[in-house]
C-alpha atoms as a PDB file:
ATOM      1  CA  UNK A   1       6.320   7.715  15.707  1.00  0.00           C
ATOM      2  CA  UNK A   2       4.996   4.141  15.620  1.00  0.00           C
ATOM      3  CA  UNK A   3       7.263   1.127  16.094  1.00  0.00           C
ATOM      4  CA  UNK A   4       7.055   0.099  12.455  1.00  0.00           C
ATOM      5  CA  UNK A   5       9.089  -3.068  12.871  1.00  0.00           C
ATOM      6  CA  UNK A   6       6.729  -4.280  15.587  1.00  0.00           C
ATOM      7  CA  UNK A   7       3.711  -3.582  13.365  1.00  0.00           C
ATOM      8  CA  UNK A   8       5.347  -5.400  10.441  1.00  0.00           C
ATOM      9  CA  UNK A   9       6.259  -8.375  12.623  1.00  0.00           C
ATOM     10  CA  UNK A  10       2.704  -8.602  13.958  1.00  0.00           C
ATOM     11  CA  UNK A  11       1.228  -8.563  10.453  1.00  0.00           C
ATOM     12  CA  UNK A  12       3.817 -11.096   9.232  1.00  0.00           C
ATOM     13  CA  UNK A  13       2.558 -13.571  11.816  1.00  0.00           C
ATOM     14  CA  UNK A  14      -0.859 -13.367  10.147  1.00  0.00           C
ATOM     15  CA  UNK A  15       0.381 -13.228   6.556  1.00  0.00           C
ATOM     16  CA  UNK A  16       0.337 -16.176   4.185  1.00  0.00           C
ATOM     17  CA  UNK A  17       3.236 -14.552   2.305  1.00  0.00           C
ATOM     18  CA  UNK A  18       5.497 -12.973   4.928  1.00  0.00           C
ATOM     19  CA  UNK A  19       8.623 -12.542   2.795  1.00  0.00           C
ATOM     20  CA  UNK A  20       6.769 -10.850  -0.057  1.00  0.00           C
ATOM     21  CA  UNK A  21       4.922  -8.784   2.498  1.00  0.00           C
ATOM     22  CA  UNK A  22       8.174  -7.537   4.026  1.00  0.00           C
ATOM     23  CA  UNK A  23       9.592  -6.740   0.592  1.00  0.00           C
ATOM     24  CA  UNK A  24       6.528  -4.751  -0.429  1.00  0.00           C
ATOM     25  CA  UNK A  25       6.397  -2.895   2.886  1.00  0.00           C
ATOM     26  CA  UNK A  26      10.054  -1.962   2.434  1.00  0.00           C
ATOM     27  CA  UNK A  27       9.197  -0.488  -0.980  1.00  0.00           C
ATOM     28  CA  UNK A  28       6.293   1.436   0.545  1.00  0.00           C
ATOM     29  CA  UNK A  29       8.417   2.718   3.401  1.00  0.00           C
ATOM     30  CA  UNK A  30      11.137   3.810   0.956  1.00  0.00           C
ATOM     31  CA  UNK A  31       8.559   5.677  -1.127  1.00  0.00           C
ATOM     32  CA  UNK A  32       7.221   7.424   1.962  1.00  0.00           C
ATOM     33  CA  UNK A  33      10.715   8.248   3.227  1.00  0.00           C
ATOM     34  CA  UNK A  34      11.618   9.757  -0.153  1.00  0.00           C
ATOM     35  CA  UNK A  35       8.902  12.324   0.481  1.00  0.00           C
ATOM     36  CA  UNK A  36       9.580  12.751   4.184  1.00  0.00           C
ATOM     37  CA  UNK A  37       6.224  11.239   5.123  1.00  0.00           C
ATOM     38  CA  UNK A  38       5.644   9.517   8.459  1.00  0.00           C
ATOM     39  CA  UNK A  39       2.278   7.770   8.699  1.00  0.00           C
ATOM     40  CA  UNK A  40       0.591   7.531  12.070  1.00  0.00           C
ATOM     41  CA  UNK A  41       0.318   4.172  13.779  1.00  0.00           C
ATOM     42  CA  UNK A  42      -3.299   3.711  12.679  1.00  0.00           C
ATOM     43  CA  UNK A  43      -2.391   4.616   9.086  1.00  0.00           C
ATOM     44  CA  UNK A  44       0.349   1.965   9.171  1.00  0.00           C
ATOM     45  CA  UNK A  45      -1.939  -0.676  10.689  1.00  0.00           C
ATOM     46  CA  UNK A  46      -4.596  -0.155   8.029  1.00  0.00           C
ATOM     47  CA  UNK A  47      -2.053   0.057   5.207  1.00  0.00           C
ATOM     48  CA  UNK A  48      -0.223  -3.098   6.318  1.00  0.00           C
ATOM     49  CA  UNK A  49      -3.477  -5.018   6.515  1.00  0.00           C
ATOM     50  CA  UNK A  50      -4.493  -3.912   3.038  1.00  0.00           C
ATOM     51  CA  UNK A  51      -1.062  -4.699   1.594  1.00  0.00           C
ATOM     52  CA  UNK A  52      -1.334  -8.226   2.958  1.00  0.00           C
ATOM     53  CA  UNK A  53      -4.799  -8.529   1.423  1.00  0.00           C
ATOM     54  CA  UNK A  54      -3.402  -7.371  -1.936  1.00  0.00           C
ATOM     55  CA  UNK A  55      -0.770 -10.110  -1.837  1.00  0.00           C
ATOM     56  CA  UNK A  56      -3.334 -12.724  -0.855  1.00  0.00           C
ATOM     57  CA  UNK A  57      -5.614 -11.697  -3.728  1.00  0.00           C
ATOM     58  CA  UNK A  58      -2.701 -11.944  -6.104  1.00  0.00           C
ATOM     59  CA  UNK A  59      -1.652 -15.411  -4.940  1.00  0.00           C
ATOM     60  CA  UNK A  60      -5.230 -16.660  -5.083  1.00  0.00           C
ATOM     61  CA  UNK A  61      -5.590 -15.165  -8.564  1.00  0.00           C
ATOM     62  CA  UNK A  62      -8.462 -13.055  -7.301  1.00  0.00           C
ATOM     63  CA  UNK A  63      -8.404  -9.638  -8.844  1.00  0.00           C
ATOM     64  CA  UNK A  64     -10.276  -6.470  -8.153  1.00  0.00           C
ATOM     65  CA  UNK A  65     -12.909  -5.664 -10.748  1.00  0.00           C
ATOM     66  CA  UNK A  66     -11.877  -3.177 -13.389  1.00  0.00           C
ATOM     67  CA  UNK A  67     -12.350   0.303 -12.033  1.00  0.00           C
ATOM     68  CA  UNK A  68     -13.001   3.471 -13.908  1.00  0.00           C
ATOM     69  CA  UNK A  69     -10.199   5.953 -13.354  1.00  0.00           C
ATOM     70  CA  UNK A  70     -12.855   8.663 -13.069  1.00  0.00           C
ATOM     71  CA  UNK A  71     -13.929   7.162  -9.721  1.00  0.00           C
ATOM     72  CA  UNK A  72     -10.553   8.265  -8.408  1.00  0.00           C
ATOM     73  CA  UNK A  73     -10.387  11.620 -10.167  1.00  0.00           C
ATOM     74  CA  UNK A  74     -10.018  13.494  -6.881  1.00  0.00           C
ATOM     75  CA  UNK A  75      -6.777  11.714  -6.008  1.00  0.00           C
ATOM     76  CA  UNK A  76      -3.734  13.881  -6.504  1.00  0.00           C
ATOM     77  CA  UNK A  77      -1.114  13.102  -9.103  1.00  0.00           C
ATOM     78  CA  UNK A  78       1.351  12.685  -6.246  1.00  0.00           C
ATOM     79  CA  UNK A  79      -0.605   9.908  -4.543  1.00  0.00           C
ATOM     80  CA  UNK A  80      -1.087   8.083  -7.845  1.00  0.00           C
ATOM     81  CA  UNK A  81       2.598   8.462  -8.684  1.00  0.00           C
ATOM     82  CA  UNK A  82       3.580   7.022  -5.320  1.00  0.00           C
ATOM     83  CA  UNK A  83       1.167   4.107  -5.749  1.00  0.00           C
ATOM     84  CA  UNK A  84       2.439   3.350  -9.264  1.00  0.00           C
ATOM     85  CA  UNK A  85       6.021   3.329  -8.004  1.00  0.00           C
ATOM     86  CA  UNK A  86       5.063   0.847  -5.298  1.00  0.00           C
ATOM     87  CA  UNK A  87       3.168  -1.391  -7.723  1.00  0.00           C
ATOM     88  CA  UNK A  88       6.147  -1.361 -10.096  1.00  0.00           C
ATOM     89  CA  UNK A  89       8.353  -2.607  -7.258  1.00  0.00           C
ATOM     90  CA  UNK A  90       6.272  -5.803  -7.187  1.00  0.00           C
ATOM     91  CA  UNK A  91       5.538  -6.838 -10.745  1.00  0.00           C
ATOM     92  CA  UNK A  92       3.124  -9.515  -9.548  1.00  0.00           C
ATOM     93  CA  UNK A  93       0.499  -7.083  -8.302  1.00  0.00           C
ATOM     94  CA  UNK A  94      -2.388  -6.158 -10.558  1.00  0.00           C
ATOM     95  CA  UNK A  95      -2.147  -2.620 -11.859  1.00  0.00           C
ATOM     96  CA  UNK A  96      -5.591  -1.591 -10.645  1.00  0.00           C
ATOM     97  CA  UNK A  97      -4.380  -2.121  -7.056  1.00  0.00           C
ATOM     98  CA  UNK A  98      -2.739   1.276  -7.551  1.00  0.00           C
ATOM     99  CA  UNK A  99      -6.039   3.012  -6.896  1.00  0.00           C
ATOM    100  CA  UNK A 100      -6.448   1.479  -3.458  1.00  0.00           C
ATOM    101  CA  UNK A 101      -2.830   2.220  -2.630  1.00  0.00           C
ATOM    102  CA  UNK A 102      -3.271   5.775  -3.865  1.00  0.00           C
ATOM    103  CA  UNK A 103      -6.147   6.271  -1.426  1.00  0.00           C
ATOM    104  CA  UNK A 104      -3.781   5.279   1.385  1.00  0.00           C
ATOM    105  CA  UNK A 105      -1.100   7.609   0.041  1.00  0.00           C
ATOM    106  CA  UNK A 106      -3.637  10.438  -0.195  1.00  0.00           C
ATOM    107  CA  UNK A 107      -4.581   9.871   3.428  1.00  0.00           C
ATOM    108  CA  UNK A 108      -0.931   9.878   4.509  1.00  0.00           C
ATOM    109  CA  UNK A 109      -0.358  13.072   2.532  1.00  0.00           C
ATOM    110  CA  UNK A 110      -3.120  14.546   4.687  1.00  0.00           C
ATOM    111  CA  UNK A 111      -5.524  15.253   1.870  1.00  0.00           C
ATOM    112  CA  UNK A 112      -8.290  12.968   3.147  1.00  0.00           C
ATOM    113  CA  UNK A 113      -9.288  11.701   6.570  1.00  0.00           C
END
């Protein structure tokens, strides 16, 4: 099991929004714990980096282009549900960020590599 706190602390040093980052990571970790999921260290590193990028986009008012839901049709309902729950925990994030989060959740669920 990775030392999550160490990974979070390392990413916080790079983050422009460390407090929001920590709050969002806590929500993600809670969502994963609710389902008994334990991401690998590399999954955490990639996820933490992308979460920080999501927050930076939001603060810079840079948003992902609109995406067709059909592009993500192969994602399971579970991964999308988890991503929506995480997005709802931070009302500032754009809703279409859920698709990128869902890809991470799908990977953690073991459905994609």
